[in-house]
PDB file of N, CA and C in Angstrom:
ATOM      1  N   MET A   1     -12.910  -5.273   9.474  1.00  0.00           N
ATOM      2  CA  MET A   1     -12.383  -6.615   9.496  1.00  0.00           C
ATOM      3  C   MET A   1     -10.864  -6.553   9.607  1.00  0.00           C
ATOM      4  N   SER A   2     -10.301  -7.335  10.506  1.00  0.00           N
ATOM      5  CA  SER A   2      -8.851  -7.378  10.614  1.00  0.00           C
ATOM      6  C   SER A   2      -8.357  -8.704  10.056  1.00  0.00           C
ATOM      7  N   LEU A   3      -7.175  -8.665   9.507  1.00  0.00           N
ATOM      8  CA  LEU A   3      -6.566  -9.843   8.908  1.00  0.00           C
ATOM      9  C   LEU A   3      -5.601 -10.492   9.888  1.00  0.00           C
ATOM     10  N   SER A   4      -5.431 -11.790   9.759  1.00  0.00           N
ATOM     11  CA  SER A   4      -4.411 -12.473  10.545  1.00  0.00           C
ATOM     12  C   SER A   4      -3.043 -12.116   9.979  1.00  0.00           C
ATOM     13  N   GLN A   5      -2.013 -12.298  10.776  1.00  0.00           N
ATOM     14  CA  GLN A   5      -0.666 -12.022  10.281  1.00  0.00           C
ATOM     15  C   GLN A   5      -0.325 -12.950   9.114  1.00  0.00           C
ATOM     16  N   THR A   6      -0.783 -14.184   9.186  1.00  0.00           N
ATOM     17  CA  THR A   6      -0.510 -15.134   8.102  1.00  0.00           C
ATOM     18  C   THR A   6      -1.126 -14.654   6.796  1.00  0.00           C
ATOM     19  N   ARG A   7      -2.385 -14.231   6.843  1.00  0.00           N
ATOM     20  CA  ARG A   7      -3.044 -13.725   5.623  1.00  0.00           C
ATOM     21  C   ARG A   7      -2.360 -12.447   5.152  1.00  0.00           C
ATOM     22  N   ALA A   8      -1.968 -11.586   6.074  1.00  0.00           N
ATOM     23  CA  ALA A   8      -1.276 -10.346   5.715  1.00  0.00           C
ATOM     24  C   ALA A   8       0.043 -10.656   5.011  1.00  0.00           C
ATOM     25  N   GLU A   9       0.761 -11.657   5.498  1.00  0.00           N
ATOM     26  CA  GLU A   9       2.018 -12.048   4.854  1.00  0.00           C
ATOM     27  C   GLU A   9       1.761 -12.591   3.453  1.00  0.00           C
ATOM     28  N   GLU A  10       0.684 -13.342   3.272  1.00  0.00           N
ATOM     29  CA  GLU A  10       0.334 -13.852   1.945  1.00  0.00           C
ATOM     30  C   GLU A  10       0.067 -12.705   0.975  1.00  0.00           C
ATOM     31  N   ILE A  11      -0.640 -11.704   1.443  1.00  0.00           N
ATOM     32  CA  ILE A  11      -0.950 -10.539   0.599  1.00  0.00           C
ATOM     33  C   ILE A  11       0.328  -9.784   0.273  1.00  0.00           C
ATOM     34  N   ALA A  12       1.189  -9.600   1.264  1.00  0.00           N
ATOM     35  CA  ALA A  12       2.455  -8.893   1.033  1.00  0.00           C
ATOM     36  C   ALA A  12       3.343  -9.663   0.064  1.00  0.00           C
ATOM     37  N   LEU A  13       3.359 -10.984   0.165  1.00  0.00           N
ATOM     38  CA  LEU A  13       4.133 -11.794  -0.780  1.00  0.00           C
ATOM     39  C   LEU A  13       3.570 -11.654  -2.192  1.00  0.00           C
ATOM     40  N   ALA A  14       2.258 -11.629  -2.315  1.00  0.00           N
ATOM     41  CA  ALA A  14       1.639 -11.413  -3.621  1.00  0.00           C
ATOM     42  C   ALA A  14       2.022 -10.045  -4.164  1.00  0.00           C
ATOM     43  N   CYS A  15       2.077  -9.062  -3.276  1.00  0.00           N
ATOM     44  CA  CYS A  15       2.485  -7.716  -3.671  1.00  0.00           C
ATOM     45  C   CYS A  15       3.934  -7.710  -4.142  1.00  0.00           C
ATOM     46  N   LEU A  16       4.790  -8.413  -3.430  1.00  0.00           N
ATOM     47  CA  LEU A  16       6.192  -8.497  -3.834  1.00  0.00           C
ATOM     48  C   LEU A  16       6.308  -9.147  -5.209  1.00  0.00           C
ATOM     49  N   GLY A  17       5.537 -10.189  -5.444  1.00  0.00           N
ATOM     50  CA  GLY A  17       5.523 -10.824  -6.759  1.00  0.00           C
ATOM     51  C   GLY A  17       5.034  -9.878  -7.837  1.00  0.00           C
ATOM     52  N   TRP A  18       4.014  -9.090  -7.513  1.00  0.00           N
ATOM     53  CA  TRP A  18       3.488  -8.094  -8.453  1.00  0.00           C
ATOM     54  C   TRP A  18       4.554  -7.048  -8.764  1.00  0.00           C
ATOM     55  N   LEU A  19       5.264  -6.603  -7.737  1.00  0.00           N
ATOM     56  CA  LEU A  19       6.344  -5.634  -7.949  1.00  0.00           C
ATOM     57  C   LEU A  19       7.459  -6.233  -8.800  1.00  0.00           C
ATOM     58  N   ALA A  20       7.818  -7.478  -8.510  1.00  0.00           N
ATOM     59  CA  ALA A  20       8.904  -8.133  -9.240  1.00  0.00           C
ATOM     60  C   ALA A  20       8.578  -8.282 -10.719  1.00  0.00           C
ATOM     61  N   ALA A  21       7.304  -8.410 -11.044  1.00  0.00           N
ATOM     62  CA  ALA A  21       6.886  -8.550 -12.434  1.00  0.00           C
ATOM     63  C   ALA A  21       6.773  -7.210 -13.147  1.00  0.00           C
ATOM     64  N   ASN A  22       6.888  -6.125 -12.409  1.00  0.00           N
ATOM     65  CA  ASN A  22       6.748  -4.789 -12.977  1.00  0.00           C
ATOM     66  C   ASN A  22       8.137  -4.205 -13.227  1.00  0.00           C
ATOM     67  N   GLU A  23       8.562  -4.195 -14.475  1.00  0.00           N
ATOM     68  CA  GLU A  23       9.913  -3.752 -14.826  1.00  0.00           C
ATOM     69  C   GLU A  23      10.181  -2.292 -14.484  1.00  0.00           C
ATOM     70  N   ASP A  24       9.139  -1.471 -14.465  1.00  0.00           N
ATOM     71  CA  ASP A  24       9.320  -0.055 -14.147  1.00  0.00           C
ATOM     72  C   ASP A  24       9.345   0.196 -12.647  1.00  0.00           C
ATOM     73  N   LEU A  25       8.523  -0.528 -11.918  1.00  0.00           N
ATOM     74  CA  LEU A  25       8.359  -0.260 -10.491  1.00  0.00           C
ATOM     75  C   LEU A  25       9.366  -1.000  -9.617  1.00  0.00           C
ATOM     76  N   LEU A  26       9.806  -2.167 -10.033  1.00  0.00           N
ATOM     77  CA  LEU A  26      10.750  -2.939  -9.214  1.00  0.00           C
ATOM     78  C   LEU A  26      12.024  -2.163  -8.897  1.00  0.00           C
ATOM     79  N   PRO A  27      12.666  -1.495  -9.864  1.00  0.00           N
ATOM     80  CA  PRO A  27      13.877  -0.741  -9.515  1.00  0.00           C
ATOM     81  C   PRO A  27      13.593   0.406  -8.532  1.00  0.00           C
ATOM     82  N   VAL A  28      12.418   0.994  -8.620  1.00  0.00           N
ATOM     83  CA  VAL A  28      12.047   2.069  -7.693  1.00  0.00           C
ATOM     84  C   VAL A  28      11.929   1.487  -6.282  1.00  0.00           C
ATOM     85  N   PHE A  29      11.264   0.334  -6.178  1.00  0.00           N
ATOM     86  CA  PHE A  29      11.133  -0.322  -4.877  1.00  0.00           C
ATOM     87  C   PHE A  29      12.500  -0.699  -4.317  1.00  0.00           C
ATOM     88  N   MET A  30      13.333  -1.289  -5.145  1.00  0.00           N
ATOM     89  CA  MET A  30      14.647  -1.722  -4.665  1.00  0.00           C
ATOM     90  C   MET A  30      15.485  -0.529  -4.222  1.00  0.00           C
ATOM     91  N   GLY A  31      15.399   0.560  -4.942  1.00  0.00           N
ATOM     92  CA  GLY A  31      16.124   1.764  -4.545  1.00  0.00           C
ATOM     93  C   GLY A  31      15.597   2.347  -3.248  1.00  0.00           C
ATOM     94  N   ALA A  32      14.279   2.333  -3.096  1.00  0.00           N
ATOM     95  CA  ALA A  32      13.673   2.896  -1.885  1.00  0.00           C
ATOM     96  C   ALA A  32      13.926   2.017  -0.667  1.00  0.00           C
ATOM     97  N   SER A  33      13.927   0.709  -0.863  1.00  0.00           N
ATOM     98  CA  SER A  33      14.095  -0.205   0.272  1.00  0.00           C
ATOM     99  C   SER A  33      15.552  -0.520   0.572  1.00  0.00           C
ATOM    100  N   GLY A  34      16.410  -0.354  -0.432  1.00  0.00           N
ATOM    101  CA  GLY A  34      17.820  -0.669  -0.258  1.00  0.00           C
ATOM    102  C   GLY A  34      18.133  -2.147  -0.380  1.00  0.00           C
ATOM    103  N   VAL A  35      17.160  -2.950  -0.773  1.00  0.00           N
ATOM    104  CA  VAL A  35      17.380  -4.386  -0.909  1.00  0.00           C
ATOM    105  C   VAL A  35      17.996  -4.679  -2.281  1.00  0.00           C
ATOM    106  N   ALA A  36      18.948  -5.585  -2.302  1.00  0.00           N
ATOM    107  CA  ALA A  36      19.580  -5.999  -3.551  1.00  0.00           C
ATOM    108  C   ALA A  36      18.782  -7.151  -4.154  1.00  0.00           C
ATOM    109  N   ALA A  37      18.879  -7.302  -5.458  1.00  0.00           N
ATOM    110  CA  ALA A  37      18.122  -8.333  -6.166  1.00  0.00           C
ATOM    111  C   ALA A  37      18.375  -9.721  -5.578  1.00  0.00           C
ATOM    112  N   GLU A  38      19.616  -9.993  -5.238  1.00  0.00           N
ATOM    113  CA  GLU A  38      19.947 -11.313  -4.714  1.00  0.00           C
ATOM    114  C   GLU A  38      19.410 -11.543  -3.295  1.00  0.00           C
ATOM    115  N   ASP A  39      18.984 -10.483  -2.623  1.00  0.00           N
ATOM    116  CA  ASP A  39      18.466 -10.606  -1.260  1.00  0.00           C
ATOM    117  C   ASP A  39      16.945 -10.636  -1.188  1.00  0.00           C
ATOM    118  N   LEU A  40      16.276 -10.456  -2.323  1.00  0.00           N
ATOM    119  CA  LEU A  40      14.814 -10.393  -2.314  1.00  0.00           C
ATOM    120  C   LEU A  40      14.188 -11.666  -1.754  1.00  0.00           C
ATOM    121  N   ARG A  41      14.638 -12.818  -2.196  1.00  0.00           N
ATOM    122  CA  ARG A  41      14.029 -14.084  -1.774  1.00  0.00           C
ATOM    123  C   ARG A  41      14.186 -14.289  -0.263  1.00  0.00           C
ATOM    124  N   ALA A  42      15.372 -14.055   0.265  1.00  0.00           N
ATOM    125  CA  ALA A  42      15.595 -14.229   1.704  1.00  0.00           C
ATOM    126  C   ALA A  42      14.803 -13.196   2.505  1.00  0.00           C
ATOM    127  N   SER A  43      14.723 -11.982   2.008  1.00  0.00           N
ATOM    128  CA  SER A  43      13.995 -10.924   2.706  1.00  0.00           C
ATOM    129  C   SER A  43      12.499 -11.196   2.751  1.00  0.00           C
ATOM    130  N   ALA A  44      12.005 -11.930   1.769  1.00  0.00           N
ATOM    131  CA  ALA A  44      10.572 -12.217   1.691  1.00  0.00           C
ATOM    132  C   ALA A  44      10.080 -13.056   2.865  1.00  0.00           C
ATOM    133  N   GLU A  45      10.981 -13.639   3.632  1.00  0.00           N
ATOM    134  CA  GLU A  45      10.596 -14.434   4.801  1.00  0.00           C
ATOM    135  C   GLU A  45      10.484 -13.591   6.068  1.00  0.00           C
ATOM    136  N   ASP A  46      10.855 -12.328   5.985  1.00  0.00           N
ATOM    137  CA  ASP A  46      10.868 -11.439   7.143  1.00  0.00           C
ATOM    138  C   ASP A  46       9.586 -10.602   7.184  1.00  0.00           C
ATOM    139  N   PRO A  47       8.744 -10.760   8.221  1.00  0.00           N
ATOM    140  CA  PRO A  47       7.507  -9.987   8.306  1.00  0.00           C
ATOM    141  C   PRO A  47       7.732  -8.474   8.302  1.00  0.00           C
ATOM    142  N   HIS A  48       8.863  -8.022   8.844  1.00  0.00           N
ATOM    143  CA  HIS A  48       9.154  -6.587   8.822  1.00  0.00           C
ATOM    144  C   HIS A  48       9.396  -6.113   7.387  1.00  0.00           C
ATOM    145  N   PHE A  49      10.114  -6.901   6.614  1.00  0.00           N
ATOM    146  CA  PHE A  49      10.341  -6.570   5.205  1.00  0.00           C
ATOM    147  C   PHE A  49       9.026  -6.574   4.438  1.00  0.00           C
ATOM    148  N   LEU A  50       8.173  -7.545   4.719  1.00  0.00           N
ATOM    149  CA  LEU A  50       6.882  -7.594   4.042  1.00  0.00           C
ATOM    150  C   LEU A  50       6.047  -6.361   4.376  1.00  0.00           C
ATOM    151  N   GLY A  51       6.176  -5.875   5.596  1.00  0.00           N
ATOM    152  CA  GLY A  51       5.523  -4.617   5.944  1.00  0.00           C
ATOM    153  C   GLY A  51       6.056  -3.470   5.111  1.00  0.00           C
ATOM    154  N   ALA A  52       7.359  -3.460   4.870  1.00  0.00           N
ATOM    155  CA  ALA A  52       7.962  -2.416   4.040  1.00  0.00           C
ATOM    156  C   ALA A  52       7.476  -2.512   2.597  1.00  0.00           C
ATOM    157  N   VAL A  53       7.237  -3.732   2.119  1.00  0.00           N
ATOM    158  CA  VAL A  53       6.681  -3.912   0.770  1.00  0.00           C
ATOM    159  C   VAL A  53       5.330  -3.214   0.684  1.00  0.00           C
ATOM    160  N   LEU A  54       4.499  -3.453   1.686  1.00  0.00           N
ATOM    161  CA  LEU A  54       3.178  -2.817   1.686  1.00  0.00           C
ATOM    162  C   LEU A  54       3.267  -1.317   1.916  1.00  0.00           C
ATOM    163  N   ASP A  55       4.202  -0.867   2.745  1.00  0.00           N
ATOM    164  CA  ASP A  55       4.407   0.574   2.921  1.00  0.00           C
ATOM    165  C   ASP A  55       4.699   1.225   1.575  1.00  0.00           C
ATOM    166  N   PHE A  56       5.561   0.583   0.798  1.00  0.00           N
ATOM    167  CA  PHE A  56       5.904   1.115  -0.521  1.00  0.00           C
ATOM    168  C   PHE A  56       4.668   1.171  -1.408  1.00  0.00           C
ATOM    169  N   LEU A  57       3.934   0.084  -1.475  1.00  0.00           N
ATOM    170  CA  LEU A  57       2.740   0.042  -2.325  1.00  0.00           C
ATOM    171  C   LEU A  57       1.762   1.145  -1.944  1.00  0.00           C
ATOM    172  N   LEU A  58       1.580   1.342  -0.648  1.00  0.00           N
ATOM    173  CA  LEU A  58       0.589   2.297  -0.152  1.00  0.00           C
ATOM    174  C   LEU A  58       0.967   3.750  -0.392  1.00  0.00           C
ATOM    175  N   MET A  59       2.151   3.994  -0.908  1.00  0.00           N
ATOM    176  CA  MET A  59       2.571   5.371  -1.205  1.00  0.00           C
ATOM    177  C   MET A  59       1.835   5.955  -2.406  1.00  0.00           C
ATOM    178  N   ASP A  60       1.250   5.120  -3.253  1.00  0.00           N
ATOM    179  CA  ASP A  60       0.637   5.621  -4.477  1.00  0.00           C
ATOM    180  C   ASP A  60      -0.684   4.891  -4.734  1.00  0.00           C
ATOM    181  N   ASP A  61      -1.753   5.668  -4.846  1.00  0.00           N
ATOM    182  CA  ASP A  61      -3.065   5.057  -5.068  1.00  0.00           C
ATOM    183  C   ASP A  61      -3.107   4.239  -6.356  1.00  0.00           C
ATOM    184  N   ALA A  62      -2.415   4.680  -7.387  1.00  0.00           N
ATOM    185  CA  ALA A  62      -2.413   3.950  -8.658  1.00  0.00           C
ATOM    186  C   ALA A  62      -1.759   2.577  -8.489  1.00  0.00           C
ATOM    187  N   TRP A  63      -0.727   2.495  -7.662  1.00  0.00           N
ATOM    188  CA  TRP A  63      -0.071   1.206  -7.398  1.00  0.00           C
ATOM    189  C   TRP A  63      -1.029   0.282  -6.643  1.00  0.00           C
ATOM    190  N   VAL A  64      -1.710   0.841  -5.641  1.00  0.00           N
ATOM    191  CA  VAL A  64      -2.672   0.058  -4.866  1.00  0.00           C
ATOM    192  C   VAL A  64      -3.752  -0.479  -5.790  1.00  0.00           C
ATOM    193  N   MET A  65      -4.281   0.392  -6.629  1.00  0.00           N
ATOM    194  CA  MET A  65      -5.343  -0.020  -7.542  1.00  0.00           C
ATOM    195  C   MET A  65      -4.846  -1.088  -8.514  1.00  0.00           C
ATOM    196  N   GLY A  66      -3.667  -0.902  -9.061  1.00  0.00           N
ATOM    197  CA  GLY A  66      -3.116  -1.877  -9.994  1.00  0.00           C
ATOM    198  C   GLY A  66      -2.915  -3.234  -9.350  1.00  0.00           C
ATOM    199  N   PHE A  67      -2.334  -3.238  -8.155  1.00  0.00           N
ATOM    200  CA  PHE A  67      -2.115  -4.487  -7.435  1.00  0.00           C
ATOM    201  C   PHE A  67      -3.441  -5.159  -7.107  1.00  0.00           C
ATOM    202  N   CYS A  68      -4.366  -4.411  -6.554  1.00  0.00           N
ATOM    203  CA  CYS A  68      -5.643  -4.986  -6.137  1.00  0.00           C
ATOM    204  C   CYS A  68      -6.433  -5.516  -7.335  1.00  0.00           C
ATOM    205  N   GLN A  69      -6.408  -4.796  -8.425  1.00  0.00           N
ATOM    206  CA  GLN A  69      -7.102  -5.272  -9.619  1.00  0.00           C
ATOM    207  C   GLN A  69      -6.465  -6.558 -10.139  1.00  0.00           C
ATOM    208  N   ALA A  70      -5.152  -6.632 -10.106  1.00  0.00           N
ATOM    209  CA  ALA A  70      -4.455  -7.839 -10.571  1.00  0.00           C
ATOM    210  C   ALA A  70      -4.738  -9.039  -9.680  1.00  0.00           C
ATOM    211  N   GLN A  71      -4.962  -8.791  -8.385  1.00  0.00           N
ATOM    212  CA  GLN A  71      -5.170  -9.871  -7.421  1.00  0.00           C
ATOM    213  C   GLN A  71      -6.641 -10.121  -7.093  1.00  0.00           C
ATOM    214  N   GLY A  72      -7.521  -9.263  -7.608  1.00  0.00           N
ATOM    215  CA  GLY A  72      -8.944  -9.400  -7.297  1.00  0.00           C
ATOM    216  C   GLY A  72      -9.274  -9.064  -5.859  1.00  0.00           C
ATOM    217  N   LEU A  73      -8.565  -8.081  -5.312  1.00  0.00           N
ATOM    218  CA  LEU A  73      -8.756  -7.668  -3.917  1.00  0.00           C
ATOM    219  C   LEU A  73      -9.466  -6.327  -3.844  1.00  0.00           C
ATOM    220  N   ASP A  74     -10.166  -6.103  -2.755  1.00  0.00           N
ATOM    221  CA  ASP A  74     -10.716  -4.775  -2.493  1.00  0.00           C
ATOM    222  C   ASP A  74      -9.555  -3.820  -2.233  1.00  0.00           C
ATOM    223  N   TYR A  75      -9.760  -2.558  -2.530  1.00  0.00           N
ATOM    224  CA  TYR A  75      -8.683  -1.577  -2.428  1.00  0.00           C
ATOM    225  C   TYR A  75      -8.177  -1.343  -1.010  1.00  0.00           C
ATOM    226  N   ASP A  76      -8.958  -1.673  -0.016  1.00  0.00           N
ATOM    227  CA  ASP A  76      -8.516  -1.456   1.361  1.00  0.00           C
ATOM    228  C   ASP A  76      -7.726  -2.633   1.937  1.00  0.00           C
ATOM    229  N   VAL A  77      -7.634  -3.732   1.224  1.00  0.00           N
ATOM    230  CA  VAL A  77      -6.963  -4.924   1.743  1.00  0.00           C
ATOM    231  C   VAL A  77      -5.468  -4.702   1.997  1.00  0.00           C
ATOM    232  N   PRO A  78      -4.722  -4.028   1.112  1.00  0.00           N
ATOM    233  CA  PRO A  78      -3.303  -3.799   1.432  1.00  0.00           C
ATOM    234  C   PRO A  78      -3.111  -3.011   2.732  1.00  0.00           C
ATOM    235  N   TYR A  79      -3.977  -2.046   2.978  1.00  0.00           N
ATOM    236  CA  TYR A  79      -3.878  -1.281   4.221  1.00  0.00           C
ATOM    237  C   TYR A  79      -4.179  -2.173   5.419  1.00  0.00           C
ATOM    238  N   GLN A  80      -5.202  -3.009   5.306  1.00  0.00           N
ATOM    239  CA  GLN A  80      -5.522  -3.935   6.396  1.00  0.00           C
ATOM    240  C   GLN A  80      -4.361  -4.901   6.631  1.00  0.00           C
ATOM    241  N   ALA A  81      -3.769  -5.373   5.550  1.00  0.00           N
ATOM    242  CA  ALA A  81      -2.629  -6.282   5.680  1.00  0.00           C
ATOM    243  C   ALA A  81      -1.465  -5.577   6.369  1.00  0.00           C
ATOM    244  N   ARG A  82      -1.234  -4.327   6.011  1.00  0.00           N
ATOM    245  CA  ARG A  82      -0.130  -3.582   6.627  1.00  0.00           C
ATOM    246  C   ARG A  82      -0.333  -3.462   8.119  1.00  0.00           C
ATOM    247  N   GLN A  83      -1.559  -3.248   8.543  1.00  0.00           N
ATOM    248  CA  GLN A  83      -1.847  -3.116   9.968  1.00  0.00           C
ATOM    249  C   GLN A  83      -1.581  -4.407  10.734  1.00  0.00           C
ATOM    250  N   ALA A  84      -1.678  -5.538  10.052  1.00  0.00           N
ATOM    251  CA  ALA A  84      -1.505  -6.834  10.710  1.00  0.00           C
ATOM    252  C   ALA A  84      -0.051  -7.271  10.805  1.00  0.00           C
ATOM    253  N   LEU A  85       0.848  -6.535  10.154  1.00  0.00           N
ATOM    254  CA  LEU A  85       2.269  -6.883  10.176  1.00  0.00           C
ATOM    255  C   LEU A  85       3.022  -6.004  11.166  1.00  0.00           C
ATOM    256  N   PRO A  86       4.197  -6.440  11.625  1.00  0.00           N
ATOM    257  CA  PRO A  86       4.956  -5.646  12.589  1.00  0.00           C
ATOM    258  C   PRO A  86       5.197  -4.210  12.117  1.00  0.00           C
ATOM    259  N   GLY A  87       4.944  -3.282  13.001  1.00  0.00           N
ATOM    260  CA  GLY A  87       5.137  -1.865  12.685  1.00  0.00           C
ATOM    261  C   GLY A  87       3.946  -1.204  12.048  1.00  0.00           C
ATOM    262  N   GLY A  88       2.900  -1.947  11.804  1.00  0.00           N
ATOM    263  CA  GLY A  88       1.735  -1.388  11.117  1.00  0.00           C
ATOM    264  C   GLY A  88       0.592  -1.014  12.031  1.00  0.00           C
ATOM    265  N   GLU A  89       0.798  -1.174  13.317  1.00  0.00           N
ATOM    266  CA  GLU A  89      -0.269  -0.855  14.257  1.00  0.00           C
ATOM    267  C   GLU A  89      -0.613   0.624  14.181  1.00  0.00           C
ATOM    268  N   GLN A  90      -1.901   0.903  14.293  1.00  0.00           N
ATOM    269  CA  GLN A  90      -2.319   2.296  14.312  1.00  0.00           C
ATOM    270  C   GLN A  90      -1.957   2.911  15.652  1.00  0.00           C
ATOM    271  N   VAL A  91      -1.458   4.122  15.604  1.00  0.00           N
ATOM    272  CA  VAL A  91      -1.126   4.842  16.821  1.00  0.00           C
ATOM    273  C   VAL A  91      -2.331   5.672  17.226  1.00  0.00           C
ATOM    274  N   HIS A  92      -2.751   5.505  18.453  1.00  0.00           N
ATOM    275  CA  HIS A  92      -3.858   6.292  18.983  1.00  0.00           C
ATOM    276  C   HIS A  92      -3.282   7.345  19.921  1.00  0.00           C
ATOM    277  N   TRP A  93      -3.456   8.585  19.575  1.00  0.00           N
ATOM    278  CA  TRP A  93      -2.830   9.675  20.307  1.00  0.00           C
ATOM    279  C   TRP A  93      -3.715  10.189  21.430  1.00  0.00           C
ATOM    280  N   THR A  94      -4.816   9.524  21.701  1.00  0.00           N
ATOM    281  CA  THR A  94      -5.694  10.010  22.763  1.00  0.00           C
ATOM    282  C   THR A  94      -5.553   9.181  24.009  1.00  0.00           C
TER     283      THR A  94
END
């Protein structure tokens, strides 16, 4: 099943909210992404940034599980959402 870009953005925004509520993980995300606290809200409107949010989440299975459990999502949904956002297309090397 593939997600629409709109649904993918909704999931990524939920992920950003989940990260923002996590006092331990938010500074790690901000350091990895280079985004400043005051720029988070404006960046949340950019589909490329939302893709980066999901890229960050997908780096650790425990983060994926925590987010999905908090949102009531299947564990593969963040990956599907990432594929629906700019830069998330699967590369086929054949």
